[in-house]
Amino acid sequence: MSSKFETTDRSTADTTANRTRTPWRRGSRLTATATAALACALAAGCLAIDDPEALQGSDERADIDSELLDDGIAASEISVNYHVSASPWWYQGNAPVILGSINDVFCFLTDVQGRFEGGGEVVKVYQEGGWWKLGGQSYQEGVGGRAACIPLNYKGQTLTVSKEYSWDQSSLATYMGSAANRVCLLTHVSGEFDGGAERVEAFIDGSGSWQLTGSGARPGIAAKAHCVNTSSRSGPHHWDQNLAPQPISLANGWTCGLTRMRGGFEGGGERVSVHVSGTWWYLDGSSLQSGVAATAYCL
């Protein structure tokens, strides 16, 4: 099975407010060597492009290196996490990104950015035709997202992915089951995050259950999540726009995803992100508005 993953880490220098991310070059081609490496990563957790020269043509490799450098990432900072595959970014106006087979991987949101001001903005990871896909819609500007996927054979255990749970602002909190040996991660955020108090969140309540909920007076606030079993869990980890990037977990042997998004995403430069830089997972973002914050769990 081939995949459209690229495996890049992002520098913590990428916390400059109101910065627009540079999308990956669409239509990049992989040779058979790279395709086989990616298939191995998804099926067995051995992740990604171990041979950068497997990318077809030195010119194309140079193009990608240039894009990374433009994004504040030195080529020497690109490293391999042997459990997680980071997807290319999806941006409004682009076709959905195919992430991997639902029979091989579990995918979830790690980054959301842009102007969620009209009520119709969506960033989502979803299942369609046997595939996990990353996509969305927007009538504003700068809306985009990124995902991560882990193999269903993960850290010596077989993951079972739950059904998709949904919540919208007309509903009470959605019960997603016991928190015992389980983690739930966001796969969909939508609505008008315009006032600073808007939020969507998957969290563990006082009774030890996962709940999916949110708040906000603006239209269209909604979220979706999936849960998986896990023998280890770390969190909740928090960041808000008044904090520096937060190191939340060693990258080796852990994978992290978003469980909360909050604040005024109304300027186009707002972003929340959980990502690998060097040997650590970091939780951070950027904002020129108010109340922007995020929470993540790791497994």
Protein backbone atom coordinates (compact mmCIF):
# COMPACT_ATOMS: atom_id res chain seq x y z
CA MET A 1 0.00 0.00 0.00
CA SER A 2 1.38 3.39 -0.91
CA SER A 3 0.93 6.50 1.18
CA LYS A 4 1.27 10.24 0.75
CA PHE A 5 3.07 10.73 4.06
CA GLU A 6 6.15 12.85 4.50
CA THR A 7 7.95 12.57 7.82
CA THR A 8 9.11 15.93 8.98
CA ASP A 9 9.64 17.51 12.35
CA ARG A 10 9.05 21.15 12.93
CA SER A 11 11.30 23.57 14.70
CA THR A 12 10.06 25.31 17.82
CA ALA A 13 11.06 28.48 16.03
CA ASP A 14 7.82 28.03 14.10
CA THR A 15 5.85 29.85 16.78
CA THR A 16 5.94 33.23 15.12
CA ALA A 17 2.48 34.76 15.28
CA ASN A 18 0.41 35.10 12.13
CA ARG A 19 2.74 32.96 10.02
CA THR A 20 1.33 31.16 6.99
CA ARG A 21 2.62 27.63 6.53
CA THR A 22 4.02 26.59 3.16
CA PRO A 23 2.17 23.56 1.77
CA TRP A 24 4.00 20.54 0.46
CA ARG A 25 4.45 20.47 -3.29
CA ARG A 26 1.42 18.74 -4.73
CA GLY A 27 2.07 15.84 -7.05
CA SER A 28 5.44 14.84 -5.58
CA ARG A 29 6.46 11.40 -6.84
CA LEU A 30 8.09 8.56 -4.95
CA THR A 31 10.19 5.80 -6.43
CA ALA A 32 9.46 2.16 -5.69
CA THR A 33 12.07 2.25 -2.89
CA ALA A 34 10.34 5.12 -1.12
CA THR A 35 6.90 3.60 -1.64
CA ALA A 36 8.04 0.33 -0.11
CA ALA A 37 9.55 2.17 2.85
CA LEU A 38 6.28 3.99 3.46
CA ALA A 39 4.24 0.82 3.19
CA CYS A 40 6.55 -0.76 5.75
CA ALA A 41 6.04 2.22 8.02
CA LEU A 42 2.27 1.91 7.99
CA ALA A 43 2.12 -1.85 8.29
CA ALA A 44 4.81 -2.35 10.92
CA GLY A 45 5.48 1.03 12.52
CA CYS A 46 8.99 1.37 11.11
CA LEU A 47 8.17 4.79 9.70
CA ALA A 48 8.79 6.55 6.61
CA ILE A 49 11.53 7.65 4.32
CA ASP A 50 14.78 6.20 5.65
CA ASP A 51 16.53 6.99 2.36
CA PRO A 52 15.99 10.64 1.39
CA GLU A 53 17.59 9.94 -1.98
CA ALA A 54 14.70 7.59 -2.76
CA LEU A 55 12.75 10.71 -3.63
CA GLN A 56 12.70 10.83 -7.40
CA GLY A 57 15.34 13.19 -8.69
CA SER A 58 17.81 15.41 -6.87
CA ASP A 59 15.91 18.48 -8.06
CA GLU A 60 12.75 17.33 -6.31
CA ARG A 61 14.68 16.59 -3.12
CA ALA A 62 16.19 20.08 -3.34
CA ASP A 63 12.70 21.56 -3.78
CA ILE A 64 11.49 19.81 -0.64
CA ASP A 65 14.58 20.80 1.35
CA SER A 66 14.02 24.38 0.23
CA GLU A 67 10.43 24.30 1.42
CA LEU A 68 11.56 22.94 4.79
CA LEU A 69 14.16 25.66 5.14
CA ASP A 70 11.57 28.28 4.22
CA ASP A 71 9.41 26.81 6.97
CA GLY A 72 12.08 27.39 9.59
CA ILE A 73 13.34 23.80 9.61
CA ALA A 74 17.00 23.02 8.98
CA ALA A 75 17.62 19.82 7.06
CA SER A 76 19.69 18.54 10.00
CA GLU A 77 16.63 18.78 12.25
CA ILE A 78 14.59 16.27 10.25
CA SER A 79 14.42 13.09 12.30
CA VAL A 80 12.48 9.84 12.42
CA ASN A 81 9.87 8.85 14.98
CA TYR A 82 9.36 5.12 14.65
CA HIS A 83 5.69 5.11 15.59
CA VAL A 84 4.02 8.10 13.95
CA SER A 85 3.61 9.28 10.37
CA ALA A 86 2.95 12.99 9.93
CA SER A 87 0.81 13.91 6.95
CA PRO A 88 1.33 16.79 4.55
CA TRP A 89 -0.75 19.85 5.34
CA TRP A 90 -4.20 20.22 3.85
CA TYR A 91 -5.20 23.76 2.90
CA GLN A 92 -8.53 25.16 1.85
CA GLY A 93 -9.10 24.82 -1.87
CA ASN A 94 -6.99 21.67 -2.10
CA ALA A 95 -8.20 18.13 -2.62
CA PRO A 96 -8.34 15.84 0.45
CA VAL A 97 -5.08 14.18 1.46
CA ILE A 98 -5.21 10.38 1.49
CA LEU A 99 -3.57 9.25 4.73
CA GLY A 100 -3.74 5.45 4.74
CA SER A 101 -5.98 2.40 4.84
CA ILE A 102 -8.45 2.08 7.70
CA ASN A 103 -7.24 -1.51 7.97
CA ASP A 104 -3.69 -0.41 8.72
CA VAL A 105 -3.67 2.88 10.63
CA PHE A 106 -5.55 5.18 13.02
CA CYS A 107 -5.44 8.89 12.14
CA PHE A 108 -6.30 12.05 14.09
CA LEU A 109 -5.74 15.81 14.10
CA THR A 110 -2.45 17.35 15.21
CA ASP A 111 -2.68 20.88 13.72
CA VAL A 112 -5.50 23.31 12.98
CA GLN A 113 -5.07 26.84 11.69
CA GLY A 114 -6.86 29.70 9.98
CA ARG A 115 -9.84 31.99 10.16
CA PHE A 116 -12.84 30.12 11.61
CA GLU A 117 -15.15 33.10 11.36
CA GLY A 118 -18.03 32.27 9.04
CA GLY A 119 -19.55 29.20 10.67
CA GLY A 120 -18.80 26.99 7.67
CA GLU A 121 -15.10 26.33 8.35
CA VAL A 122 -14.14 22.68 8.88
CA VAL A 123 -10.91 20.73 9.31
CA LYS A 124 -11.39 16.99 9.59
CA VAL A 125 -9.85 13.53 9.46
CA TYR A 126 -12.46 11.10 8.21
CA GLN A 127 -13.03 7.66 6.73
CA GLU A 128 -14.17 7.31 3.13
CA GLY A 129 -13.96 4.36 0.75
CA GLY A 130 -11.74 2.38 3.09
CA TRP A 131 -9.26 5.23 3.53
CA TRP A 132 -8.45 7.81 6.17
CA LYS A 133 -8.50 11.26 4.57
CA LEU A 134 -7.63 14.79 5.70
CA GLY A 135 -9.71 17.65 4.35
CA GLY A 136 -12.31 20.30 5.12
CA GLN A 137 -13.83 23.46 3.77
CA SER A 138 -13.63 27.21 4.27
CA TYR A 139 -15.19 30.42 3.03
CA GLN A 140 -12.58 32.50 4.86
CA GLU A 141 -8.77 32.47 4.64
CA GLY A 142 -5.82 30.43 5.82
CA VAL A 143 -7.79 27.39 6.98
CA GLY A 144 -5.73 24.23 7.06
CA GLY A 145 -4.86 21.19 9.08
CA ARG A 146 -2.48 18.34 9.56
CA ALA A 147 -2.86 14.80 10.88
CA ALA A 148 -0.81 11.97 12.29
CA CYS A 149 -1.39 8.25 11.91
CA ILE A 150 -0.19 5.28 13.92
CA PRO A 151 -0.21 1.63 12.85
CA LEU A 152 -2.92 -0.57 14.32
CA ASN A 153 -0.11 -2.85 15.45
CA TYR A 154 1.29 -0.28 17.86
CA LYS A 155 3.79 -0.76 20.68
CA GLY A 156 3.12 -4.46 20.85
CA GLN A 157 -0.66 -4.19 21.00
CA THR A 158 -3.49 -4.34 18.49
CA LEU A 159 -5.50 -1.12 18.44
CA THR A 160 -9.26 -1.19 18.07
CA VAL A 161 -10.66 2.06 16.69
CA SER A 162 -14.05 3.10 18.06
CA LYS A 163 -16.96 4.45 16.09
CA GLU A 164 -16.97 8.16 15.34
CA TYR A 165 -18.45 10.23 18.16
CA SER A 166 -20.06 13.60 17.41
CA TRP A 167 -21.02 16.71 19.37
CA ASP A 168 -22.52 20.05 18.37
CA GLN A 169 -23.53 23.11 20.34
CA SER A 170 -27.19 22.10 20.44
CA SER A 171 -26.31 18.91 22.32
CA LEU A 172 -25.25 17.83 25.77
CA ALA A 173 -21.82 16.27 26.17
CA THR A 174 -21.39 13.05 24.20
CA TYR A 175 -20.40 10.01 26.26
CA MET A 176 -17.55 8.11 24.60
CA GLY A 177 -17.03 5.30 27.09
CA SER A 178 -14.71 4.46 29.93
CA ALA A 179 -11.33 6.16 30.17
CA ALA A 180 -9.72 2.97 31.46
CA ASN A 181 -6.96 1.97 29.03
CA ARG A 182 -8.38 4.24 26.32
CA VAL A 183 -7.57 7.59 24.74
CA CYS A 184 -9.88 9.73 22.56
CA LEU A 185 -8.52 12.24 20.03
CA LEU A 186 -10.17 14.92 17.91
CA THR A 187 -10.80 14.14 14.26
CA HIS A 188 -13.09 17.08 13.33
CA VAL A 189 -13.47 20.71 14.37
CA SER A 190 -15.85 23.20 12.81
CA GLY A 191 -17.72 26.42 13.39
CA GLU A 192 -17.21 30.09 14.10
CA PHE A 193 -14.43 30.47 16.68
CA ASP A 194 -14.94 34.19 16.84
CA GLY A 195 -15.27 35.34 20.43
CA GLY A 196 -12.43 33.80 22.40
CA ALA A 197 -14.73 31.56 24.46
CA GLU A 198 -15.47 29.03 21.72
CA ARG A 199 -14.03 25.58 22.33
CA VAL A 200 -14.35 21.90 21.48
CA GLU A 201 -12.87 19.27 23.76
CA ALA A 202 -12.51 15.56 24.46
CA PHE A 203 -11.81 15.09 28.15
CA ILE A 204 -12.02 12.65 31.05
CA ASP A 205 -14.76 13.57 33.53
CA GLY A 206 -14.81 13.03 37.27
CA SER A 207 -16.41 9.61 36.92
CA GLY A 208 -13.60 8.30 34.72
CA SER A 209 -15.39 8.54 31.38
CA TRP A 210 -14.40 10.19 28.13
CA GLN A 211 -16.76 13.01 27.10
CA LEU A 212 -16.90 15.12 23.92
CA THR A 213 -18.23 18.63 24.41
CA GLY A 214 -17.70 22.31 23.72
CA SER A 215 -19.11 25.80 24.15
CA GLY A 216 -19.71 29.03 22.28
CA ALA A 217 -22.41 31.44 21.27
CA ARG A 218 -21.34 31.59 17.64
CA PRO A 219 -22.84 29.27 14.99
CA GLY A 220 -21.69 25.88 13.85
CA ILE A 221 -19.41 24.87 16.75
CA ALA A 222 -19.00 21.09 16.51
CA ALA A 223 -16.48 18.31 17.02
CA LYS A 224 -15.92 14.63 16.30
CA ALA A 225 -13.52 12.13 17.85
CA HIS A 226 -12.43 8.52 17.76
CA CYS A 227 -11.06 6.47 20.66
CA VAL A 228 -8.57 3.60 20.81
CA ASN A 229 -7.39 1.22 23.48
CA THR A 230 -3.94 1.86 24.91
CA SER A 231 -1.71 0.36 27.59
CA SER A 232 -0.13 3.75 28.32
CA ARG A 233 -1.45 7.30 28.31
CA SER A 234 -0.02 10.72 29.10
CA GLY A 235 -2.02 13.90 29.64
CA PRO A 236 -3.79 16.16 29.64
CA HIS A 237 -1.11 18.56 28.44
CA HIS A 238 -2.05 22.23 28.03
CA TRP A 239 -0.85 25.26 26.09
CA ASP A 240 -2.25 28.78 25.69
CA GLN A 241 -1.08 31.79 23.75
CA ASN A 242 0.65 33.29 26.79
CA LEU A 243 2.99 30.31 27.10
CA ALA A 244 6.13 29.21 25.32
CA PRO A 245 6.01 25.92 23.38
CA GLN A 246 5.42 23.13 25.87
CA PRO A 247 7.56 19.95 25.72
CA ILE A 248 5.02 17.28 26.63
CA SER A 249 6.55 13.89 25.83
CA LEU A 250 9.63 12.20 24.50
CA ALA A 251 9.10 11.39 20.84
CA ASN A 252 10.59 7.92 21.06
CA GLY A 253 7.76 5.49 21.75
CA TRP A 254 4.97 8.07 22.09
CA THR A 255 2.43 9.68 19.77
CA CYS A 256 0.35 12.77 20.60
CA GLY A 257 -2.88 14.25 19.24
CA LEU A 258 -5.16 17.21 19.90
CA THR A 259 -8.05 16.88 22.35
CA ARG A 260 -9.03 20.56 22.74
CA MET A 261 -9.12 23.69 20.58
CA ARG A 262 -10.23 27.03 22.06
CA GLY A 263 -10.20 30.74 21.32
CA GLY A 264 -10.69 33.41 18.70
CA PHE A 265 -9.59 31.98 15.35
CA GLU A 266 -10.63 35.11 13.51
CA GLY A 267 -7.49 36.64 12.06
CA GLY A 268 -6.18 33.94 9.74
CA GLY A 269 -2.93 33.50 11.68
CA GLU A 270 -4.27 31.50 14.59
CA ARG A 271 -2.95 27.97 14.97
CA VAL A 272 -2.73 25.15 17.50
CA SER A 273 -0.29 22.30 17.00
CA VAL A 274 1.19 19.20 18.58
CA HIS A 275 4.30 18.07 16.73
CA VAL A 276 7.75 16.53 17.00
CA SER A 277 10.87 18.67 17.13
CA GLY A 278 14.14 16.88 17.76
CA THR A 279 13.49 14.23 20.41
CA TRP A 280 10.35 15.78 21.94
CA TRP A 281 6.68 16.27 21.23
CA TYR A 282 5.74 19.94 21.63
CA LEU A 283 2.35 21.59 22.09
CA ASP A 284 2.18 25.17 20.86
CA GLY A 285 0.53 27.58 18.45
CA SER A 286 0.24 31.21 17.47
CA SER A 287 -2.35 33.96 17.83
CA LEU A 288 -2.94 37.66 17.37
CA GLN A 289 -6.41 37.29 18.86
CA SER A 290 -7.58 36.19 22.33
CA GLY A 291 -7.99 32.99 24.27
CA VAL A 292 -6.28 30.62 21.83
CA ALA A 293 -5.37 27.39 23.62
CA ALA A 294 -5.03 23.66 23.09
CA THR A 295 -4.82 20.39 24.97
CA ALA A 296 -3.22 17.12 23.88
CA TYR A 297 -2.93 13.52 25.05
CA CYS A 298 -0.20 11.07 24.16
CA LEU A 299 -0.28 7.28 23.86
